[in-house]
Amino acid sequence: MNFTAIDFETATGYAHSACAIGLVTVENGIITDEYHTLIRPPENEYWFRNIMVHGIKPVETMNLPAFDDLFPEIRKRILGRKLVAHNEAFDRSVLTKTMKYYGMYYDELELADQWECTLKIYRKKGYKPANLKACSERHGIQLNHHEALSDARACAKLYLLHDGQVKLSM
């Protein structure tokens, strides 16, 4: 079981406003790499309601690199990989629209048109609610919700559990 779990946080209601990313690489059912960084969104603009969700403030990102400067590190972790997200439509949209904003081409990443989605998987299993927090609590997975790396790690563990894998260490 090889895949990368991904989670974005956004600074505004616009999908191209990524302000944090978490990536968790799984090889043969074991977490082998974790990557997290804050990202300076366009104009370093934030909406109050987004700050209230994830707690990231403009002062934390104003001197950080923008997405295009961080992209080489991100690219090497996702190129040609199976991607998994808890709400894949949201995270896929953030990646595609942020790349487009910076003049990059999503197709060059050789990713599936649709990623694996643990939200859909757990809804099909009958979980109500099936949000990341509820699924993590149900399975005893530690979660600092809306912290991108913690969300990506929880998503990876939920995907491993769904597939019958039980190696949740790292």
N, C-alpha and C. Protein backbone atom coordinates (compact mmCIF):
# COMPACT_ATOMS: atom_id res chain seq x y z
N MET A 1 0.85 -1.17 0.00
CA MET A 1 0.00 0.00 0.00
C MET A 1 0.89 1.24 0.00
N ASN A 2 0.95 1.91 -1.14
CA ASN A 2 1.77 3.11 -1.31
C ASN A 2 0.88 4.28 -1.71
N PHE A 3 0.99 5.37 -0.97
CA PHE A 3 0.20 6.56 -1.28
C PHE A 3 0.74 7.74 -0.49
N THR A 4 0.23 8.92 -0.80
CA THR A 4 0.55 10.11 -0.04
C THR A 4 -0.76 10.76 0.38
N ALA A 5 -0.91 10.99 1.68
CA ALA A 5 -2.07 11.73 2.19
C ALA A 5 -1.72 13.21 2.18
N ILE A 6 -2.69 14.03 1.82
CA ILE A 6 -2.46 15.46 1.65
C ILE A 6 -3.57 16.26 2.32
N ASP A 7 -3.18 17.37 2.91
CA ASP A 7 -4.17 18.28 3.49
C ASP A 7 -3.69 19.70 3.33
N PHE A 8 -4.60 20.57 2.92
CA PHE A 8 -4.33 21.99 2.81
C PHE A 8 -5.18 22.77 3.79
N GLU A 9 -4.67 23.91 4.22
CA GLU A 9 -5.45 24.93 4.89
C GLU A 9 -5.38 26.15 3.98
N THR A 10 -6.47 26.91 3.93
CA THR A 10 -6.51 28.08 3.07
C THR A 10 -6.70 29.35 3.90
N ALA A 11 -6.18 30.45 3.37
CA ALA A 11 -6.22 31.73 4.07
C ALA A 11 -7.52 32.49 3.84
N THR A 12 -8.16 32.21 2.71
CA THR A 12 -9.42 32.88 2.36
C THR A 12 -10.39 31.84 1.82
N GLY A 13 -11.51 32.29 1.32
CA GLY A 13 -12.47 31.38 0.70
C GLY A 13 -12.09 30.99 -0.72
N TYR A 14 -10.99 31.52 -1.22
CA TYR A 14 -10.53 31.19 -2.57
C TYR A 14 -9.59 30.00 -2.52
N ALA A 15 -9.82 29.05 -3.41
CA ALA A 15 -9.04 27.81 -3.40
C ALA A 15 -7.55 28.04 -3.63
N HIS A 16 -7.17 29.12 -4.29
CA HIS A 16 -5.75 29.34 -4.58
C HIS A 16 -4.99 29.99 -3.41
N SER A 17 -5.64 30.06 -2.23
CA SER A 17 -5.03 30.76 -1.09
C SER A 17 -4.40 29.81 -0.07
N ALA A 18 -3.75 28.76 -0.53
CA ALA A 18 -3.11 27.80 0.38
C ALA A 18 -2.18 28.53 1.35
N CYS A 19 -2.35 28.23 2.65
CA CYS A 19 -1.47 28.83 3.65
C CYS A 19 -0.75 27.76 4.48
N ALA A 20 -1.10 26.50 4.27
CA ALA A 20 -0.39 25.39 4.93
C ALA A 20 -0.66 24.12 4.15
N ILE A 21 0.32 23.23 4.17
CA ILE A 21 0.18 21.92 3.55
C ILE A 21 0.80 20.88 4.47
N GLY A 22 0.16 19.74 4.54
CA GLY A 22 0.71 18.57 5.22
C GLY A 22 0.70 17.41 4.25
N LEU A 23 1.81 16.70 4.18
CA LEU A 23 1.94 15.53 3.31
C LEU A 23 2.49 14.37 4.13
N VAL A 24 1.86 13.22 4.02
CA VAL A 24 2.30 12.02 4.73
C VAL A 24 2.47 10.91 3.69
N THR A 25 3.70 10.44 3.56
CA THR A 25 4.02 9.40 2.58
C THR A 25 3.95 8.03 3.25
N VAL A 26 3.26 7.12 2.60
CA VAL A 26 3.12 5.75 3.09
C VAL A 26 3.70 4.81 2.04
N GLU A 27 4.62 3.97 2.49
CA GLU A 27 5.24 2.95 1.63
C GLU A 27 5.02 1.59 2.28
N ASN A 28 4.48 0.67 1.53
CA ASN A 28 4.23 -0.69 2.04
C ASN A 28 3.46 -0.66 3.35
N GLY A 29 2.48 0.25 3.44
CA GLY A 29 1.62 0.32 4.60
C GLY A 29 2.22 0.99 5.82
N ILE A 30 3.40 1.60 5.68
CA ILE A 30 4.07 2.25 6.81
C ILE A 30 4.36 3.71 6.46
N ILE A 31 4.08 4.61 7.40
CA ILE A 31 4.40 6.03 7.20
C ILE A 31 5.93 6.17 7.19
N THR A 32 6.45 6.70 6.07
CA THR A 32 7.90 6.81 5.91
C THR A 32 8.40 8.26 5.85
N ASP A 33 7.49 9.21 5.60
CA ASP A 33 7.91 10.60 5.49
C ASP A 33 6.74 11.49 5.82
N GLU A 34 7.05 12.60 6.48
CA GLU A 34 6.05 13.62 6.76
C GLU A 34 6.64 14.98 6.40
N TYR A 35 5.82 15.81 5.78
CA TYR A 35 6.26 17.14 5.38
C TYR A 35 5.16 18.13 5.72
N HIS A 36 5.55 19.23 6.34
CA HIS A 36 4.60 20.28 6.68
C HIS A 36 5.28 21.62 6.51
N THR A 37 4.55 22.56 5.96
CA THR A 37 5.05 23.92 5.90
C THR A 37 3.89 24.89 5.84
N LEU A 38 4.11 26.05 6.43
CA LEU A 38 3.21 27.17 6.20
C LEU A 38 3.61 27.80 4.88
N ILE A 39 2.65 28.45 4.24
CA ILE A 39 2.84 29.03 2.90
C ILE A 39 2.31 30.47 2.94
N ARG A 40 3.07 31.39 2.36
CA ARG A 40 2.55 32.76 2.24
C ARG A 40 1.53 32.78 1.11
N PRO A 41 0.26 33.03 1.44
CA PRO A 41 -0.76 33.07 0.38
C PRO A 41 -0.64 34.36 -0.43
N PRO A 42 -1.32 34.44 -1.57
CA PRO A 42 -1.26 35.67 -2.38
C PRO A 42 -1.60 36.92 -1.56
N GLU A 43 -0.74 37.92 -1.67
CA GLU A 43 -0.90 39.18 -0.95
C GLU A 43 -0.88 39.00 0.57
N ASN A 44 -0.58 37.81 1.03
CA ASN A 44 -0.64 37.44 2.45
C ASN A 44 -1.99 37.82 3.06
N GLU A 45 -3.03 37.66 2.25
CA GLU A 45 -4.40 38.01 2.66
C GLU A 45 -5.06 36.85 3.39
N TYR A 46 -5.72 37.17 4.49
CA TYR A 46 -6.47 36.19 5.28
C TYR A 46 -7.87 36.71 5.55
N TRP A 47 -8.80 35.76 5.64
CA TRP A 47 -10.14 36.09 6.09
C TRP A 47 -10.26 35.64 7.54
N PHE A 48 -10.96 36.45 8.32
CA PHE A 48 -11.12 36.18 9.75
C PHE A 48 -11.68 34.78 10.00
N ARG A 49 -12.69 34.39 9.23
CA ARG A 49 -13.31 33.07 9.48
C ARG A 49 -12.34 31.92 9.22
N ASN A 50 -11.43 32.09 8.28
CA ASN A 50 -10.42 31.06 8.04
C ASN A 50 -9.44 30.99 9.21
N ILE A 51 -9.04 32.16 9.70
CA ILE A 51 -8.15 32.20 10.86
C ILE A 51 -8.82 31.50 12.04
N MET A 52 -10.11 31.70 12.21
CA MET A 52 -10.83 31.08 13.32
C MET A 52 -10.84 29.55 13.20
N VAL A 53 -10.77 29.03 12.00
CA VAL A 53 -10.76 27.58 11.79
C VAL A 53 -9.39 26.99 12.10
N HIS A 54 -8.34 27.54 11.49
CA HIS A 54 -7.01 26.91 11.61
C HIS A 54 -6.03 27.66 12.51
N GLY A 55 -6.33 28.88 12.84
CA GLY A 55 -5.47 29.63 13.77
C GLY A 55 -4.21 30.22 13.15
N ILE A 56 -4.03 30.08 11.85
CA ILE A 56 -2.85 30.65 11.19
C ILE A 56 -3.13 32.12 10.90
N LYS A 57 -2.19 32.98 11.26
CA LYS A 57 -2.37 34.42 11.10
C LYS A 57 -1.37 34.99 10.10
N PRO A 58 -1.71 36.12 9.49
CA PRO A 58 -0.81 36.72 8.49
C PRO A 58 0.61 36.96 8.99
N VAL A 59 0.76 37.31 10.25
CA VAL A 59 2.09 37.56 10.79
C VAL A 59 2.97 36.31 10.73
N GLU A 60 2.35 35.14 10.75
CA GLU A 60 3.11 33.89 10.71
C GLU A 60 3.63 33.55 9.32
N THR A 61 3.03 34.11 8.29
CA THR A 61 3.41 33.74 6.92
C THR A 61 3.97 34.91 6.10
N MET A 62 3.96 36.11 6.64
CA MET A 62 4.33 37.26 5.82
C MET A 62 5.77 37.21 5.30
N ASN A 63 6.66 36.54 5.98
CA ASN A 63 8.05 36.46 5.51
C ASN A 63 8.41 35.07 4.98
N LEU A 64 7.41 34.24 4.77
CA LEU A 64 7.65 32.88 4.28
C LEU A 64 7.57 32.83 2.76
N PRO A 65 8.09 31.77 2.17
CA PRO A 65 7.99 31.62 0.72
C PRO A 65 6.54 31.39 0.28
N ALA A 66 6.26 31.81 -0.94
CA ALA A 66 4.97 31.53 -1.58
C ALA A 66 4.99 30.09 -2.11
N PHE A 67 3.83 29.63 -2.55
CA PHE A 67 3.67 28.26 -3.02
C PHE A 67 4.67 27.89 -4.12
N ASP A 68 4.87 28.79 -5.08
CA ASP A 68 5.75 28.44 -6.20
C ASP A 68 7.19 28.21 -5.74
N ASP A 69 7.62 28.88 -4.68
CA ASP A 69 8.96 28.65 -4.15
C ASP A 69 9.06 27.33 -3.38
N LEU A 70 7.97 26.92 -2.79
CA LEU A 70 7.94 25.66 -2.02
C LEU A 70 7.62 24.45 -2.89
N PHE A 71 7.16 24.70 -4.09
CA PHE A 71 6.66 23.62 -4.93
C PHE A 71 7.66 22.50 -5.20
N PRO A 72 8.96 22.75 -5.37
CA PRO A 72 9.87 21.62 -5.61
C PRO A 72 9.81 20.56 -4.49
N GLU A 73 9.71 20.99 -3.24
CA GLU A 73 9.60 20.03 -2.12
C GLU A 73 8.27 19.28 -2.17
N ILE A 74 7.22 19.99 -2.53
CA ILE A 74 5.89 19.37 -2.62
C ILE A 74 5.86 18.40 -3.79
N ARG A 75 6.35 18.85 -4.93
CA ARG A 75 6.33 18.05 -6.16
C ARG A 75 7.01 16.70 -5.97
N LYS A 76 8.18 16.70 -5.34
CA LYS A 76 8.90 15.43 -5.20
C LYS A 76 8.15 14.43 -4.34
N ARG A 77 7.24 14.91 -3.51
CA ARG A 77 6.48 14.02 -2.63
C ARG A 77 5.16 13.55 -3.24
N ILE A 78 4.71 14.20 -4.32
CA ILE A 78 3.41 13.81 -4.89
C ILE A 78 3.47 13.36 -6.35
N LEU A 79 4.54 13.63 -7.04
CA LEU A 79 4.65 13.30 -8.46
C LEU A 79 4.32 11.84 -8.71
N GLY A 80 3.30 11.59 -9.51
CA GLY A 80 2.92 10.24 -9.91
C GLY A 80 2.38 9.35 -8.79
N ARG A 81 2.10 9.92 -7.65
CA ARG A 81 1.66 9.13 -6.49
C ARG A 81 0.14 9.00 -6.46
N LYS A 82 -0.33 7.99 -5.76
CA LYS A 82 -1.74 7.92 -5.40
C LYS A 82 -1.92 8.90 -4.26
N LEU A 83 -2.85 9.87 -4.43
CA LEU A 83 -3.10 10.84 -3.38
C LEU A 83 -4.40 10.51 -2.66
N VAL A 84 -4.39 10.73 -1.35
CA VAL A 84 -5.55 10.48 -0.50
C VAL A 84 -5.79 11.75 0.31
N ALA A 85 -7.04 12.17 0.40
CA ALA A 85 -7.41 13.32 1.23
C ALA A 85 -8.73 13.00 1.90
N HIS A 86 -9.01 13.68 2.99
CA HIS A 86 -10.28 13.38 3.66
C HIS A 86 -11.45 14.02 2.91
N ASN A 87 -11.25 15.15 2.31
CA ASN A 87 -12.25 15.76 1.43
C ASN A 87 -11.53 16.07 0.13
N GLU A 88 -11.37 15.04 -0.68
CA GLU A 88 -10.48 15.16 -1.83
C GLU A 88 -10.89 16.26 -2.80
N ALA A 89 -12.16 16.54 -2.93
CA ALA A 89 -12.58 17.59 -3.86
C ALA A 89 -12.01 18.94 -3.42
N PHE A 90 -12.01 19.20 -2.12
CA PHE A 90 -11.45 20.46 -1.60
C PHE A 90 -9.94 20.51 -1.82
N ASP A 91 -9.23 19.50 -1.35
CA ASP A 91 -7.76 19.53 -1.43
C ASP A 91 -7.26 19.49 -2.87
N ARG A 92 -7.94 18.73 -3.73
CA ARG A 92 -7.57 18.70 -5.15
C ARG A 92 -7.79 20.07 -5.77
N SER A 93 -8.90 20.72 -5.42
CA SER A 93 -9.17 22.06 -5.93
C SER A 93 -8.11 23.06 -5.47
N VAL A 94 -7.70 22.97 -4.21
CA VAL A 94 -6.66 23.88 -3.71
C VAL A 94 -5.37 23.67 -4.50
N LEU A 95 -4.99 22.42 -4.71
CA LEU A 95 -3.75 22.16 -5.45
C LEU A 95 -3.85 22.66 -6.89
N THR A 96 -4.92 22.31 -7.57
CA THR A 96 -5.04 22.69 -8.98
C THR A 96 -5.14 24.21 -9.14
N LYS A 97 -5.92 24.85 -8.30
CA LYS A 97 -6.11 26.30 -8.45
C LYS A 97 -4.89 27.09 -7.98
N THR A 98 -4.20 26.59 -6.98
CA THR A 98 -2.97 27.27 -6.54
C THR A 98 -1.90 27.13 -7.62
N MET A 99 -1.79 25.94 -8.20
CA MET A 99 -0.83 25.76 -9.29
C MET A 99 -1.15 26.68 -10.46
N LYS A 100 -2.42 26.74 -10.81
CA LYS A 100 -2.83 27.60 -11.93
C LYS A 100 -2.51 29.06 -11.62
N TYR A 101 -2.77 29.49 -10.40
CA TYR A 101 -2.50 30.88 -10.00
C TYR A 101 -1.02 31.23 -10.24
N TYR A 102 -0.13 30.27 -9.99
CA TYR A 102 1.29 30.50 -10.15
C TYR A 102 1.82 30.06 -11.52
N GLY A 103 0.93 29.78 -12.45
CA GLY A 103 1.33 29.45 -13.82
C GLY A 103 1.92 28.07 -13.98
N MET A 104 1.54 27.14 -13.11
CA MET A 104 2.03 25.76 -13.18
C MET A 104 0.94 24.86 -13.76
N TYR A 105 1.35 23.70 -14.24
CA TYR A 105 0.43 22.79 -14.90
C TYR A 105 0.23 21.52 -14.08
N TYR A 106 -0.95 21.35 -13.55
CA TYR A 106 -1.31 20.20 -12.73
C TYR A 106 -1.05 18.88 -13.46
N ASP A 107 -1.34 18.84 -14.76
CA ASP A 107 -1.18 17.59 -15.53
C ASP A 107 0.25 17.04 -15.48
N GLU A 108 1.22 17.91 -15.28
CA GLU A 108 2.61 17.46 -15.21
C GLU A 108 2.91 16.61 -13.97
N LEU A 109 2.00 16.62 -13.01
CA LEU A 109 2.20 15.83 -11.79
C LEU A 109 1.82 14.36 -11.96
N GLU A 110 1.19 14.03 -13.09
CA GLU A 110 0.82 12.64 -13.38
C GLU A 110 -0.03 12.04 -12.27
N LEU A 111 -1.03 12.79 -11.84
CA LEU A 111 -1.94 12.34 -10.79
C LEU A 111 -3.27 11.92 -11.40
N ALA A 112 -4.00 11.11 -10.67
CA ALA A 112 -5.33 10.71 -11.10
C ALA A 112 -6.25 11.92 -11.14
N ASP A 113 -7.26 11.88 -12.00
CA ASP A 113 -8.22 12.97 -12.08
C ASP A 113 -8.99 13.12 -10.78
N GLN A 114 -9.22 12.02 -10.10
CA GLN A 114 -9.87 12.04 -8.80
C GLN A 114 -9.01 11.24 -7.85
N TRP A 115 -8.82 11.77 -6.64
CA TRP A 115 -8.00 11.10 -5.65
C TRP A 115 -8.87 10.19 -4.79
N GLU A 116 -8.22 9.40 -3.95
CA GLU A 116 -8.94 8.61 -2.96
C GLU A 116 -9.47 9.56 -1.89
N CYS A 117 -10.65 9.28 -1.37
CA CYS A 117 -11.29 10.19 -0.42
C CYS A 117 -11.78 9.42 0.80
N THR A 118 -11.13 9.64 1.94
CA THR A 118 -11.54 8.91 3.14
C THR A 118 -12.90 9.37 3.64
N LEU A 119 -13.31 10.59 3.36
CA LEU A 119 -14.66 11.03 3.73
C LEU A 119 -15.69 10.16 3.03
N LYS A 120 -15.54 9.97 1.73
CA LYS A 120 -16.48 9.13 0.96
C LYS A 120 -16.41 7.68 1.42
N ILE A 121 -15.21 7.19 1.68
CA ILE A 121 -15.03 5.81 2.12
C ILE A 121 -15.79 5.56 3.42
N TYR A 122 -15.62 6.45 4.38
CA TYR A 122 -16.25 6.24 5.68
C TYR A 122 -17.74 6.54 5.66
N ARG A 123 -18.19 7.41 4.77
CA ARG A 123 -19.64 7.60 4.58
C ARG A 123 -20.26 6.31 4.06
N LYS A 124 -19.58 5.68 3.10
CA LYS A 124 -20.09 4.41 2.55
C LYS A 124 -20.13 3.32 3.60
N LYS A 125 -19.25 3.40 4.59
CA LYS A 125 -19.26 2.43 5.69
C LYS A 125 -20.39 2.73 6.68
N GLY A 126 -21.09 3.85 6.48
CA GLY A 126 -22.21 4.19 7.35
C GLY A 126 -21.86 5.09 8.51
N TYR A 127 -20.67 5.65 8.52
CA TYR A 127 -20.28 6.55 9.62
C TYR A 127 -21.10 7.84 9.54
N LYS A 128 -21.67 8.22 10.69
CA LYS A 128 -22.41 9.48 10.79
C LYS A 128 -22.08 10.10 12.13
N PRO A 129 -21.41 11.22 12.16
CA PRO A 129 -20.83 11.93 11.01
C PRO A 129 -19.56 11.23 10.53
N ALA A 130 -19.15 11.59 9.34
CA ALA A 130 -17.94 10.98 8.75
C ALA A 130 -16.83 12.01 8.59
N ASN A 131 -16.93 13.12 9.31
CA ASN A 131 -15.87 14.12 9.21
C ASN A 131 -14.59 13.57 9.84
N LEU A 132 -13.49 14.25 9.59
CA LEU A 132 -12.18 13.77 10.02
C LEU A 132 -12.11 13.63 11.54
N LYS A 133 -12.64 14.60 12.24
CA LYS A 133 -12.60 14.57 13.71
C LYS A 133 -13.36 13.36 14.25
N ALA A 134 -14.57 13.14 13.76
CA ALA A 134 -15.38 12.02 14.25
C ALA A 134 -14.75 10.68 13.91
N CYS A 135 -14.25 10.52 12.70
CA CYS A 135 -13.61 9.26 12.30
C CYS A 135 -12.36 9.00 13.13
N SER A 136 -11.58 10.05 13.35
CA SER A 136 -10.35 9.91 14.14
C SER A 136 -10.68 9.51 15.58
N GLU A 137 -11.65 10.17 16.17
CA GLU A 137 -12.04 9.83 17.54
C GLU A 137 -12.51 8.39 17.62
N ARG A 138 -13.32 7.96 16.67
CA ARG A 138 -13.87 6.60 16.67
C ARG A 138 -12.77 5.55 16.63
N HIS A 139 -11.65 5.88 15.97
CA HIS A 139 -10.56 4.91 15.82
C HIS A 139 -9.36 5.21 16.73
N GLY A 140 -9.51 6.15 17.64
CA GLY A 140 -8.44 6.44 18.58
C GLY A 140 -7.22 7.07 17.94
N ILE A 141 -7.43 7.79 16.84
CA ILE A 141 -6.33 8.44 16.13
C ILE A 141 -6.18 9.86 16.68
N GLN A 142 -4.98 10.17 17.14
CA GLN A 142 -4.71 11.51 17.68
C GLN A 142 -4.85 12.54 16.56
N LEU A 143 -5.52 13.65 16.87
CA LEU A 143 -5.76 14.67 15.85
C LEU A 143 -5.74 16.06 16.46
N ASN A 144 -4.94 16.94 15.89
CA ASN A 144 -5.00 18.36 16.18
C ASN A 144 -5.67 18.97 14.95
N HIS A 145 -6.99 18.95 14.96
CA HIS A 145 -7.78 19.25 13.77
C HIS A 145 -7.47 20.63 13.19
N HIS A 146 -7.37 20.68 11.87
CA HIS A 146 -7.07 21.86 11.07
C HIS A 146 -5.61 22.29 11.18
N GLU A 147 -4.76 21.40 11.69
CA GLU A 147 -3.32 21.56 11.55
C GLU A 147 -2.98 20.60 10.41
N ALA A 148 -2.46 21.12 9.32
CA ALA A 148 -2.37 20.36 8.07
C ALA A 148 -1.65 19.02 8.21
N LEU A 149 -0.54 18.97 8.92
CA LEU A 149 0.17 17.70 9.05
C LEU A 149 -0.63 16.71 9.89
N SER A 150 -1.23 17.16 10.95
CA SER A 150 -2.05 16.28 11.78
C SER A 150 -3.24 15.74 10.99
N ASP A 151 -3.87 16.59 10.20
CA ASP A 151 -4.99 16.15 9.37
C ASP A 151 -4.54 15.13 8.33
N ALA A 152 -3.40 15.39 7.69
CA ALA A 152 -2.88 14.46 6.68
C ALA A 152 -2.51 13.12 7.32
N ARG A 153 -1.91 13.16 8.50
CA ARG A 153 -1.53 11.93 9.20
C ARG A 153 -2.78 11.12 9.57
N ALA A 154 -3.80 11.79 10.09
CA ALA A 154 -5.05 11.10 10.45
C ALA A 154 -5.69 10.50 9.21
N CYS A 155 -5.68 11.24 8.12
CA CYS A 155 -6.23 10.73 6.86
C CYS A 155 -5.48 9.48 6.41
N ALA A 156 -4.16 9.51 6.49
CA ALA A 156 -3.35 8.35 6.10
C ALA A 156 -3.71 7.14 6.95
N LYS A 157 -3.84 7.34 8.25
CA LYS A 157 -4.17 6.24 9.15
C LYS A 157 -5.57 5.70 8.89
N LEU A 158 -6.51 6.59 8.60
CA LEU A 158 -7.87 6.13 8.26
C LEU A 158 -7.86 5.33 6.96
N TYR A 159 -7.07 5.76 6.00
CA TYR A 159 -6.98 5.03 4.73
C TYR A 159 -6.35 3.65 4.95
N LEU A 160 -5.33 3.59 5.78
CA LEU A 160 -4.71 2.30 6.09
C LEU A 160 -5.70 1.38 6.81
N LEU A 161 -6.46 1.90 7.74
CA LEU A 161 -7.47 1.10 8.45
C LEU A 161 -8.53 0.59 7.50
N HIS A 162 -8.96 1.44 6.60
CA HIS A 162 -9.98 1.05 5.63
C HIS A 162 -9.52 -0.13 4.78
N ASP A 163 -8.24 -0.12 4.48
CA ASP A 163 -7.69 -1.16 3.61
C ASP A 163 -7.23 -2.40 4.38
N GLY A 164 -7.48 -2.40 5.70
CA GLY A 164 -7.09 -3.57 6.48
C GLY A 164 -5.68 -3.51 7.00
N GLN A 165 -4.96 -2.42 6.70
CA GLN A 165 -3.61 -2.26 7.22
C GLN A 165 -3.71 -1.79 8.68
N VAL A 166 -2.80 -2.19 9.50
CA VAL A 166 -2.86 -1.79 10.91
C VAL A 166 -1.55 -1.22 11.41
N LYS A 167 -0.59 -0.95 10.56
CA LYS A 167 0.70 -0.41 10.98
C LYS A 167 0.57 1.11 11.12
N LEU A 168 0.14 1.56 12.29
CA LEU A 168 -0.14 2.97 12.45
C LEU A 168 0.99 3.71 13.17
N SER A 169 2.14 3.12 13.30
CA SER A 169 3.21 3.79 14.04
C SER A 169 3.94 4.81 13.19
N MET A 170 4.59 5.72 13.83
CA MET A 170 5.53 6.76 13.40
C MET A 170 5.23 7.99 14.16
